[in-house]
Amino acid sequence: MSQHSSPKLFHLLHRTHQALFRASGKMLGDELGISTSQSAVLLYLKRADNATMGDLAQAVGLTITSASGLIDRMEQKQFVTRQRSKSDRRIIQLSLTKTGRQILSKAEPLVRAANAAMLEKIGSDDHVEIFARACEAMIDAADEVYSRAKPDATKLKHQTNQDTPFERTSA
């Protein structure tokens, strides 16, 4: 096993994920009373109005069951609505409400500030870009392994755009 394939890397990535969600969850919870997952849903629905539960679950990295429970709670807070598709009544579409948009407008600057503070610790823009490319390559590799292990499974797609909870922002 080469130094680059050390299992410690997986542990460090897991710990990084936990730390990022803990920090963003505390900030968003203290300021707005929402979780990091709820923030991710709001950000996704801003870009993908009338998304299906399956699309949402895939985009934010949840199972459909977990996404459904999350949407239940967000619907109770009047952040999102569910409505049946006009073209296919079996399909449920999700949309932001006015309250959801208001919460999102408060969450976005908090997320940008947190991103900037965390990414500042990485160093130069070049280091951040190298780290981002390495993360994207690992996601692609994991998706390949997953697809080979489960040939009938839908390949998980990662999204690396500016609306994700941990985006690179210009300070």
N, C-alpha and C. Protein backbone atom coordinates (compact mmCIF):
# COMPACT_ATOMS: atom_id res chain seq x y z
N MET A 1 0.85 -1.18 0.00
CA MET A 1 0.00 0.00 0.00
C MET A 1 0.89 1.24 0.00
N SER A 2 0.67 2.11 -0.95
CA SER A 2 1.50 3.31 -1.04
C SER A 2 1.08 4.32 0.02
N GLN A 3 1.95 5.28 0.21
CA GLN A 3 1.67 6.35 1.18
C GLN A 3 0.39 7.09 0.80
N HIS A 4 0.12 7.22 -0.51
CA HIS A 4 -1.06 7.96 -0.97
C HIS A 4 -2.36 7.22 -0.73
N SER A 5 -2.32 5.92 -0.52
CA SER A 5 -3.56 5.18 -0.31
C SER A 5 -3.76 4.83 1.17
N SER A 6 -3.11 5.55 2.03
CA SER A 6 -3.20 5.31 3.45
C SER A 6 -4.65 5.44 3.94
N PRO A 7 -5.13 4.45 4.72
CA PRO A 7 -6.49 4.54 5.26
C PRO A 7 -6.69 5.77 6.14
N LYS A 8 -5.62 6.34 6.64
CA LYS A 8 -5.76 7.53 7.48
C LYS A 8 -6.43 8.67 6.72
N LEU A 9 -6.23 8.72 5.41
CA LEU A 9 -6.85 9.76 4.60
C LEU A 9 -8.37 9.70 4.71
N PHE A 10 -8.93 8.50 4.67
CA PHE A 10 -10.38 8.35 4.79
C PHE A 10 -10.86 8.84 6.16
N HIS A 11 -10.10 8.51 7.17
CA HIS A 11 -10.44 8.97 8.52
C HIS A 11 -10.39 10.50 8.59
N LEU A 12 -9.35 11.07 8.02
CA LEU A 12 -9.23 12.54 8.04
C LEU A 12 -10.37 13.21 7.27
N LEU A 13 -10.74 12.65 6.14
CA LEU A 13 -11.86 13.21 5.38
C LEU A 13 -13.16 13.11 6.17
N HIS A 14 -13.36 11.99 6.83
CA HIS A 14 -14.55 11.82 7.65
C HIS A 14 -14.58 12.85 8.78
N ARG A 15 -13.45 13.01 9.44
CA ARG A 15 -13.36 13.99 10.53
C ARG A 15 -13.56 15.41 10.00
N THR A 16 -13.04 15.70 8.81
CA THR A 16 -13.23 17.01 8.19
C THR A 16 -14.71 17.26 7.95
N HIS A 17 -15.38 16.27 7.38
CA HIS A 17 -16.82 16.37 7.13
C HIS A 17 -17.58 16.65 8.42
N GLN A 18 -17.26 15.89 9.46
CA GLN A 18 -17.92 16.09 10.75
C GLN A 18 -17.68 17.50 11.29
N ALA A 19 -16.45 17.96 11.22
CA ALA A 19 -16.11 19.28 11.76
C ALA A 19 -16.81 20.39 10.98
N LEU A 20 -16.85 20.26 9.65
CA LEU A 20 -17.54 21.27 8.84
C LEU A 20 -19.02 21.33 9.16
N PHE A 21 -19.66 20.17 9.27
CA PHE A 21 -21.08 20.15 9.57
C PHE A 21 -21.36 20.62 10.99
N ARG A 22 -20.48 20.29 11.92
CA ARG A 22 -20.64 20.75 13.30
C ARG A 22 -20.54 22.28 13.36
N ALA A 23 -19.56 22.84 12.69
CA ALA A 23 -19.36 24.30 12.70
C ALA A 23 -20.51 25.01 12.00
N SER A 24 -20.87 24.54 10.81
CA SER A 24 -21.95 25.22 10.08
C SER A 24 -23.29 25.00 10.78
N GLY A 25 -23.49 23.82 11.35
CA GLY A 25 -24.73 23.54 12.06
C GLY A 25 -24.90 24.44 13.27
N LYS A 26 -23.82 24.66 13.99
CA LYS A 26 -23.87 25.55 15.16
C LYS A 26 -24.20 26.97 14.72
N MET A 27 -23.50 27.44 13.70
CA MET A 27 -23.71 28.80 13.23
C MET A 27 -25.15 28.98 12.72
N LEU A 28 -25.59 28.09 11.84
CA LEU A 28 -26.93 28.21 11.27
C LEU A 28 -28.01 27.98 12.32
N GLY A 29 -27.76 27.05 13.24
CA GLY A 29 -28.72 26.78 14.31
C GLY A 29 -28.85 27.96 15.25
N ASP A 30 -27.70 28.52 15.67
CA ASP A 30 -27.72 29.66 16.59
C ASP A 30 -28.35 30.89 15.96
N GLU A 31 -28.03 31.16 14.71
CA GLU A 31 -28.49 32.38 14.05
C GLU A 31 -29.91 32.28 13.49
N LEU A 32 -30.23 31.10 12.91
CA LEU A 32 -31.49 31.00 12.16
C LEU A 32 -32.40 29.86 12.58
N GLY A 33 -31.91 28.98 13.45
CA GLY A 33 -32.72 27.85 13.87
C GLY A 33 -32.87 26.78 12.81
N ILE A 34 -31.89 26.68 11.88
CA ILE A 34 -31.94 25.65 10.85
C ILE A 34 -30.67 24.81 10.90
N SER A 35 -30.76 23.63 10.33
CA SER A 35 -29.61 22.73 10.29
C SER A 35 -28.84 22.93 8.97
N THR A 36 -27.66 22.36 8.91
CA THR A 36 -26.87 22.39 7.69
C THR A 36 -27.62 21.68 6.56
N SER A 37 -28.27 20.57 6.87
CA SER A 37 -29.04 19.85 5.85
C SER A 37 -30.20 20.70 5.34
N GLN A 38 -30.87 21.40 6.24
CA GLN A 38 -31.96 22.28 5.81
C GLN A 38 -31.43 23.40 4.92
N SER A 39 -30.28 23.93 5.27
CA SER A 39 -29.65 24.96 4.44
C SER A 39 -29.34 24.42 3.05
N ALA A 40 -28.81 23.19 2.99
CA ALA A 40 -28.49 22.58 1.70
C ALA A 40 -29.75 22.41 0.86
N VAL A 41 -30.86 22.02 1.48
CA VAL A 41 -32.12 21.87 0.77
C VAL A 41 -32.58 23.21 0.22
N LEU A 42 -32.52 24.26 1.06
CA LEU A 42 -32.94 25.59 0.61
C LEU A 42 -32.09 26.05 -0.57
N LEU A 43 -30.78 25.85 -0.48
CA LEU A 43 -29.89 26.24 -1.57
C LEU A 43 -30.20 25.47 -2.85
N TYR A 44 -30.44 24.17 -2.71
CA TYR A 44 -30.74 23.35 -3.89
C TYR A 44 -32.06 23.78 -4.52
N LEU A 45 -33.09 23.98 -3.72
CA LEU A 45 -34.40 24.34 -4.27
C LEU A 45 -34.41 25.74 -4.87
N LYS A 46 -33.49 26.58 -4.44
CA LYS A 46 -33.35 27.89 -5.08
C LYS A 46 -32.96 27.70 -6.55
N ARG A 47 -32.09 26.74 -6.81
CA ARG A 47 -31.63 26.47 -8.18
C ARG A 47 -32.56 25.56 -8.95
N ALA A 48 -33.26 24.67 -8.22
CA ALA A 48 -34.03 23.62 -8.88
C ALA A 48 -35.48 23.63 -8.37
N ASP A 49 -36.18 24.71 -8.64
CA ASP A 49 -37.58 24.80 -8.23
C ASP A 49 -38.37 23.65 -8.86
N ASN A 50 -39.31 23.11 -8.13
CA ASN A 50 -40.13 21.97 -8.56
C ASN A 50 -39.33 20.68 -8.69
N ALA A 51 -38.25 20.56 -7.94
CA ALA A 51 -37.45 19.34 -7.95
C ALA A 51 -38.26 18.20 -7.35
N THR A 52 -37.94 16.99 -7.77
CA THR A 52 -38.56 15.81 -7.16
C THR A 52 -37.79 15.43 -5.91
N MET A 53 -38.40 14.60 -5.08
CA MET A 53 -37.74 14.12 -3.87
C MET A 53 -36.46 13.36 -4.23
N GLY A 54 -36.51 12.55 -5.28
CA GLY A 54 -35.33 11.80 -5.70
C GLY A 54 -34.19 12.70 -6.13
N ASP A 55 -34.51 13.74 -6.90
CA ASP A 55 -33.49 14.69 -7.34
C ASP A 55 -32.87 15.40 -6.14
N LEU A 56 -33.72 15.83 -5.22
CA LEU A 56 -33.23 16.51 -4.02
C LEU A 56 -32.34 15.58 -3.20
N ALA A 57 -32.81 14.37 -2.96
CA ALA A 57 -32.04 13.42 -2.15
C ALA A 57 -30.66 13.19 -2.75
N GLN A 58 -30.61 12.99 -4.06
CA GLN A 58 -29.32 12.76 -4.72
C GLN A 58 -28.42 13.99 -4.61
N ALA A 59 -29.00 15.17 -4.80
CA ALA A 59 -28.21 16.40 -4.80
C ALA A 59 -27.61 16.72 -3.43
N VAL A 60 -28.33 16.41 -2.36
CA VAL A 60 -27.81 16.76 -1.03
C VAL A 60 -27.23 15.56 -0.29
N GLY A 61 -27.18 14.40 -0.96
CA GLY A 61 -26.51 13.23 -0.40
C GLY A 61 -27.29 12.52 0.69
N LEU A 62 -28.61 12.44 0.53
CA LEU A 62 -29.45 11.74 1.50
C LEU A 62 -30.20 10.60 0.81
N THR A 63 -30.68 9.66 1.60
CA THR A 63 -31.59 8.67 1.05
C THR A 63 -32.95 9.35 0.86
N ILE A 64 -33.80 8.76 0.06
CA ILE A 64 -35.13 9.34 -0.15
C ILE A 64 -35.90 9.37 1.17
N THR A 65 -35.75 8.34 1.99
CA THR A 65 -36.43 8.30 3.28
C THR A 65 -35.97 9.44 4.18
N SER A 66 -34.65 9.67 4.25
CA SER A 66 -34.12 10.77 5.07
C SER A 66 -34.56 12.12 4.52
N ALA A 67 -34.51 12.27 3.20
CA ALA A 67 -34.93 13.53 2.57
C ALA A 67 -36.41 13.78 2.84
N SER A 68 -37.21 12.75 2.79
CA SER A 68 -38.65 12.90 3.04
C SER A 68 -38.90 13.39 4.46
N GLY A 69 -38.20 12.82 5.44
CA GLY A 69 -38.33 13.27 6.82
C GLY A 69 -37.89 14.71 7.00
N LEU A 70 -36.80 15.06 6.33
CA LEU A 70 -36.30 16.44 6.39
C LEU A 70 -37.32 17.40 5.78
N ILE A 71 -37.89 17.02 4.65
CA ILE A 71 -38.90 17.87 4.00
C ILE A 71 -40.14 17.97 4.87
N ASP A 72 -40.52 16.89 5.56
CA ASP A 72 -41.65 16.96 6.49
C ASP A 72 -41.43 18.07 7.51
N ARG A 73 -40.24 18.08 8.11
CA ARG A 73 -39.93 19.09 9.13
C ARG A 73 -39.89 20.50 8.53
N MET A 74 -39.34 20.61 7.32
CA MET A 74 -39.24 21.92 6.68
C MET A 74 -40.62 22.41 6.22
N GLU A 75 -41.49 21.49 5.87
CA GLU A 75 -42.85 21.85 5.50
C GLU A 75 -43.61 22.36 6.73
N GLN A 76 -43.38 21.73 7.89
CA GLN A 76 -44.02 22.18 9.13
C GLN A 76 -43.59 23.60 9.48
N LYS A 77 -42.34 23.94 9.17
CA LYS A 77 -41.84 25.30 9.42
C LYS A 77 -42.20 26.27 8.30
N GLN A 78 -42.90 25.76 7.30
CA GLN A 78 -43.34 26.53 6.14
C GLN A 78 -42.18 27.08 5.32
N PHE A 79 -41.10 26.29 5.20
CA PHE A 79 -39.96 26.65 4.36
C PHE A 79 -40.14 26.14 2.93
N VAL A 80 -40.85 25.01 2.81
CA VAL A 80 -41.05 24.38 1.50
C VAL A 80 -42.49 23.91 1.36
N THR A 81 -42.89 23.69 0.11
CA THR A 81 -44.19 23.07 -0.17
C THR A 81 -43.98 21.86 -1.07
N ARG A 82 -44.93 20.96 -0.99
CA ARG A 82 -44.98 19.81 -1.89
C ARG A 82 -46.25 19.96 -2.71
N GLN A 83 -46.14 19.71 -4.00
CA GLN A 83 -47.33 19.71 -4.84
C GLN A 83 -47.18 18.62 -5.90
N ARG A 84 -48.31 18.09 -6.30
CA ARG A 84 -48.30 17.07 -7.34
C ARG A 84 -48.03 17.70 -8.69
N SER A 85 -47.27 17.01 -9.50
CA SER A 85 -46.98 17.47 -10.85
C SER A 85 -48.28 17.49 -11.65
N LYS A 86 -48.43 18.51 -12.45
CA LYS A 86 -49.62 18.61 -13.31
C LYS A 86 -49.57 17.58 -14.43
N SER A 87 -48.36 17.24 -14.87
CA SER A 87 -48.22 16.30 -15.99
C SER A 87 -48.25 14.84 -15.54
N ASP A 88 -47.88 14.56 -14.28
CA ASP A 88 -47.88 13.19 -13.77
C ASP A 88 -48.20 13.25 -12.29
N ARG A 89 -49.41 12.93 -11.93
CA ARG A 89 -49.89 13.07 -10.55
C ARG A 89 -49.13 12.19 -9.56
N ARG A 90 -48.35 11.22 -10.04
CA ARG A 90 -47.55 10.38 -9.15
C ARG A 90 -46.33 11.12 -8.63
N ILE A 91 -45.92 12.17 -9.31
CA ILE A 91 -44.70 12.89 -8.97
C ILE A 91 -45.02 14.06 -8.03
N ILE A 92 -44.25 14.13 -6.95
CA ILE A 92 -44.36 15.23 -6.00
C ILE A 92 -43.21 16.19 -6.26
N GLN A 93 -43.54 17.46 -6.42
CA GLN A 93 -42.53 18.49 -6.67
C GLN A 93 -42.38 19.38 -5.44
N LEU A 94 -41.15 19.82 -5.21
CA LEU A 94 -40.82 20.63 -4.04
C LEU A 94 -40.47 22.05 -4.47
N SER A 95 -40.93 23.00 -3.68
CA SER A 95 -40.63 24.41 -3.97
C SER A 95 -40.40 25.17 -2.67
N LEU A 96 -39.64 26.24 -2.77
CA LEU A 96 -39.45 27.14 -1.64
C LEU A 96 -40.69 27.99 -1.44
N THR A 97 -40.98 28.29 -0.19
CA THR A 97 -42.04 29.25 0.13
C THR A 97 -41.39 30.62 0.32
N LYS A 98 -42.21 31.61 0.55
CA LYS A 98 -41.69 32.95 0.84
C LYS A 98 -40.83 32.89 2.12
N THR A 99 -41.30 32.17 3.12
CA THR A 99 -40.53 32.03 4.37
C THR A 99 -39.20 31.33 4.10
N GLY A 100 -39.22 30.30 3.27
CA GLY A 100 -37.98 29.60 2.91
C GLY A 100 -37.00 30.51 2.22
N ARG A 101 -37.49 31.34 1.32
CA ARG A 101 -36.62 32.29 0.62
C ARG A 101 -36.03 33.32 1.59
N GLN A 102 -36.86 33.76 2.56
CA GLN A 102 -36.38 34.73 3.55
C GLN A 102 -35.27 34.12 4.41
N ILE A 103 -35.47 32.90 4.86
CA ILE A 103 -34.44 32.22 5.66
C ILE A 103 -33.18 32.04 4.83
N LEU A 104 -33.36 31.64 3.58
CA LEU A 104 -32.20 31.44 2.70
C LEU A 104 -31.44 32.74 2.49
N SER A 105 -32.14 33.84 2.35
CA SER A 105 -31.45 35.12 2.14
C SER A 105 -30.62 35.51 3.37
N LYS A 106 -30.99 35.03 4.54
CA LYS A 106 -30.20 35.26 5.75
C LYS A 106 -29.09 34.22 5.88
N ALA A 107 -29.33 33.02 5.39
CA ALA A 107 -28.35 31.94 5.52
C ALA A 107 -27.17 32.13 4.57
N GLU A 108 -27.44 32.58 3.35
CA GLU A 108 -26.37 32.67 2.34
C GLU A 108 -25.18 33.52 2.79
N PRO A 109 -25.38 34.72 3.35
CA PRO A 109 -24.19 35.47 3.79
C PRO A 109 -23.46 34.80 4.96
N LEU A 110 -24.20 34.11 5.82
CA LEU A 110 -23.56 33.39 6.92
C LEU A 110 -22.68 32.26 6.38
N VAL A 111 -23.22 31.54 5.41
CA VAL A 111 -22.47 30.42 4.81
C VAL A 111 -21.24 30.95 4.08
N ARG A 112 -21.40 32.04 3.34
CA ARG A 112 -20.25 32.62 2.63
C ARG A 112 -19.16 33.05 3.61
N ALA A 113 -19.55 33.68 4.70
CA ALA A 113 -18.57 34.13 5.69
C ALA A 113 -17.87 32.93 6.35
N ALA A 114 -18.63 31.90 6.67
CA ALA A 114 -18.03 30.71 7.27
C ALA A 114 -17.08 30.03 6.28
N ASN A 115 -17.50 29.94 5.01
CA ASN A 115 -16.63 29.35 3.99
C ASN A 115 -15.32 30.12 3.89
N ALA A 116 -15.42 31.43 3.83
CA ALA A 116 -14.22 32.25 3.70
C ALA A 116 -13.28 32.05 4.89
N ALA A 117 -13.86 32.01 6.10
CA ALA A 117 -13.04 31.83 7.30
C ALA A 117 -12.35 30.47 7.31
N MET A 118 -13.08 29.42 6.92
CA MET A 118 -12.49 28.08 6.93
C MET A 118 -11.46 27.92 5.82
N LEU A 119 -11.78 28.43 4.63
CA LEU A 119 -10.85 28.27 3.51
C LEU A 119 -9.60 29.13 3.67
N GLU A 120 -9.70 30.19 4.42
CA GLU A 120 -8.53 31.04 4.69
C GLU A 120 -7.44 30.23 5.39
N LYS A 121 -7.85 29.25 6.18
CA LYS A 121 -6.88 28.41 6.91
C LYS A 121 -6.11 27.49 5.98
N ILE A 122 -6.67 27.20 4.81
CA ILE A 122 -5.98 26.33 3.85
C ILE A 122 -4.80 27.04 3.21
N GLY A 123 -4.94 28.33 3.01
CA GLY A 123 -3.83 29.09 2.42
C GLY A 123 -4.24 29.75 1.13
N SER A 124 -3.32 29.74 0.20
CA SER A 124 -3.50 30.46 -1.06
C SER A 124 -4.63 29.87 -1.89
N ASP A 125 -5.09 30.66 -2.86
CA ASP A 125 -6.12 30.18 -3.79
C ASP A 125 -5.64 28.92 -4.52
N ASP A 126 -4.33 28.86 -4.83
CA ASP A 126 -3.79 27.68 -5.50
C ASP A 126 -3.96 26.43 -4.64
N HIS A 127 -3.70 26.55 -3.34
CA HIS A 127 -3.87 25.41 -2.43
C HIS A 127 -5.33 25.00 -2.36
N VAL A 128 -6.22 25.96 -2.31
CA VAL A 128 -7.66 25.66 -2.25
C VAL A 128 -8.09 24.93 -3.52
N GLU A 129 -7.61 25.40 -4.68
CA GLU A 129 -7.98 24.76 -5.95
C GLU A 129 -7.44 23.33 -6.02
N ILE A 130 -6.22 23.12 -5.55
CA ILE A 130 -5.64 21.77 -5.54
C ILE A 130 -6.46 20.86 -4.64
N PHE A 131 -6.81 21.36 -3.47
CA PHE A 131 -7.63 20.59 -2.53
C PHE A 131 -8.99 20.27 -3.15
N ALA A 132 -9.63 21.25 -3.79
CA ALA A 132 -10.94 21.03 -4.42
C ALA A 132 -10.84 19.98 -5.52
N ARG A 133 -9.80 20.07 -6.35
CA ARG A 133 -9.62 19.07 -7.42
C ARG A 133 -9.40 17.68 -6.84
N ALA A 134 -8.63 17.60 -5.76
CA ALA A 134 -8.39 16.30 -5.12
C ALA A 134 -9.70 15.73 -4.56
N CYS A 135 -10.52 16.57 -3.96
CA CYS A 135 -11.82 16.11 -3.44
C CYS A 135 -12.71 15.62 -4.58
N GLU A 136 -12.76 16.37 -5.67
CA GLU A 136 -13.57 15.97 -6.82
C GLU A 136 -13.08 14.64 -7.40
N ALA A 137 -11.77 14.45 -7.47
CA ALA A 137 -11.21 13.20 -7.99
C ALA A 137 -11.59 12.04 -7.06
N MET A 138 -11.56 12.26 -5.76
CA MET A 138 -11.93 11.20 -4.82
C MET A 138 -13.42 10.86 -4.94
N ILE A 139 -14.26 11.87 -5.15
CA ILE A 139 -15.69 11.63 -5.33
C ILE A 139 -15.90 10.78 -6.58
N ASP A 140 -15.24 11.16 -7.67
CA ASP A 140 -15.35 10.39 -8.92
C ASP A 140 -14.89 8.95 -8.71
N ALA A 141 -13.78 8.77 -8.02
CA ALA A 141 -13.26 7.42 -7.77
C ALA A 141 -14.24 6.61 -6.91
N ALA A 142 -14.80 7.24 -5.89
CA ALA A 142 -15.77 6.55 -5.04
C ALA A 142 -17.02 6.19 -5.83
N ASP A 143 -17.47 7.09 -6.69
CA ASP A 143 -18.63 6.79 -7.54
C ASP A 143 -18.36 5.60 -8.45
N GLU A 144 -17.13 5.52 -8.98
CA GLU A 144 -16.75 4.38 -9.83
C GLU A 144 -16.79 3.08 -9.05
N VAL A 145 -16.21 3.09 -7.86
CA VAL A 145 -16.20 1.90 -7.02
C VAL A 145 -17.64 1.50 -6.68
N TYR A 146 -18.46 2.47 -6.34
CA TYR A 146 -19.87 2.21 -6.01
C TYR A 146 -20.60 1.62 -7.20
N SER A 147 -20.39 2.18 -8.38
CA SER A 147 -21.06 1.69 -9.59
C SER A 147 -20.64 0.26 -9.92
N ARG A 148 -19.35 -0.07 -9.72
CA ARG A 148 -18.88 -1.43 -9.97
C ARG A 148 -19.45 -2.40 -8.95
N ALA A 149 -19.54 -1.96 -7.70
CA ALA A 149 -20.05 -2.83 -6.64
C ALA A 149 -21.55 -3.06 -6.78
N LYS A 150 -22.26 -2.08 -7.28
CA LYS A 150 -23.71 -2.14 -7.45
C LYS A 150 -24.02 -1.78 -8.89
N PRO A 151 -23.87 -2.71 -9.82
CA PRO A 151 -24.02 -2.37 -11.24
C PRO A 151 -25.38 -1.78 -11.60
N ASP A 152 -26.42 -2.09 -10.86
CA ASP A 152 -27.74 -1.57 -11.18
C ASP A 152 -28.05 -0.26 -10.47
N ALA A 153 -27.15 0.19 -9.62
CA ALA A 153 -27.40 1.41 -8.85
C ALA A 153 -27.15 2.64 -9.70
N THR A 154 -27.88 3.67 -9.39
CA THR A 154 -27.67 4.95 -10.07
C THR A 154 -26.40 5.56 -9.55
N LYS A 155 -25.57 6.02 -10.43
CA LYS A 155 -24.30 6.64 -10.04
C LYS A 155 -24.60 7.94 -9.28
N LEU A 156 -23.99 8.07 -8.12
CA LEU A 156 -24.14 9.29 -7.35
C LEU A 156 -23.39 10.40 -8.07
N LYS A 157 -24.02 11.54 -8.19
CA LYS A 157 -23.38 12.65 -8.88
C LYS A 157 -23.06 13.72 -7.86
N HIS A 158 -21.85 14.23 -7.92
CA HIS A 158 -21.50 15.33 -7.04
C HIS A 158 -21.74 16.64 -7.79
N GLN A 159 -22.01 17.64 -7.01
CA GLN A 159 -22.24 18.96 -7.59
C GLN A 159 -21.24 19.92 -6.98
N THR A 160 -20.51 20.55 -7.84
CA THR A 160 -19.50 21.48 -7.36
C THR A 160 -19.80 22.84 -7.96
N ASN A 161 -20.82 23.47 -7.41
CA ASN A 161 -21.14 24.80 -7.90
C ASN A 161 -21.19 25.75 -6.74
N GLN A 162 -21.41 26.98 -7.02
CA GLN A 162 -21.28 28.01 -6.00
C GLN A 162 -22.39 28.00 -4.96
N ASP A 163 -23.46 27.24 -5.14
CA ASP A 163 -24.55 27.26 -4.20
C ASP A 163 -24.49 26.14 -3.16
N THR A 164 -23.43 25.34 -3.14
CA THR A 164 -23.33 24.30 -2.15
C THR A 164 -22.93 24.94 -0.82
N PRO A 165 -23.26 24.28 0.31
CA PRO A 165 -23.00 24.91 1.61
C PRO A 165 -21.54 25.27 1.88
N PHE A 166 -20.58 24.62 1.24
CA PHE A 166 -19.18 24.91 1.53
C PHE A 166 -18.44 25.35 0.29
N GLU A 167 -18.94 26.39 -0.31
CA GLU A 167 -18.35 26.86 -1.57
C GLU A 167 -17.11 27.70 -1.33
N ARG A 168 -16.36 27.87 -2.36
CA ARG A 168 -15.22 28.78 -2.35
C ARG A 168 -15.77 30.16 -2.66
N THR A 169 -15.49 31.09 -1.81
CA THR A 169 -15.99 32.44 -2.02
C THR A 169 -14.81 33.39 -2.15
N SER A 170 -15.02 34.46 -2.85
CA SER A 170 -13.98 35.46 -2.90
C SER A 170 -14.17 36.39 -1.72
N ALA A 171 -13.12 36.61 -0.99
CA ALA A 171 -13.21 37.41 0.22
C ALA A 171 -13.05 38.88 -0.10
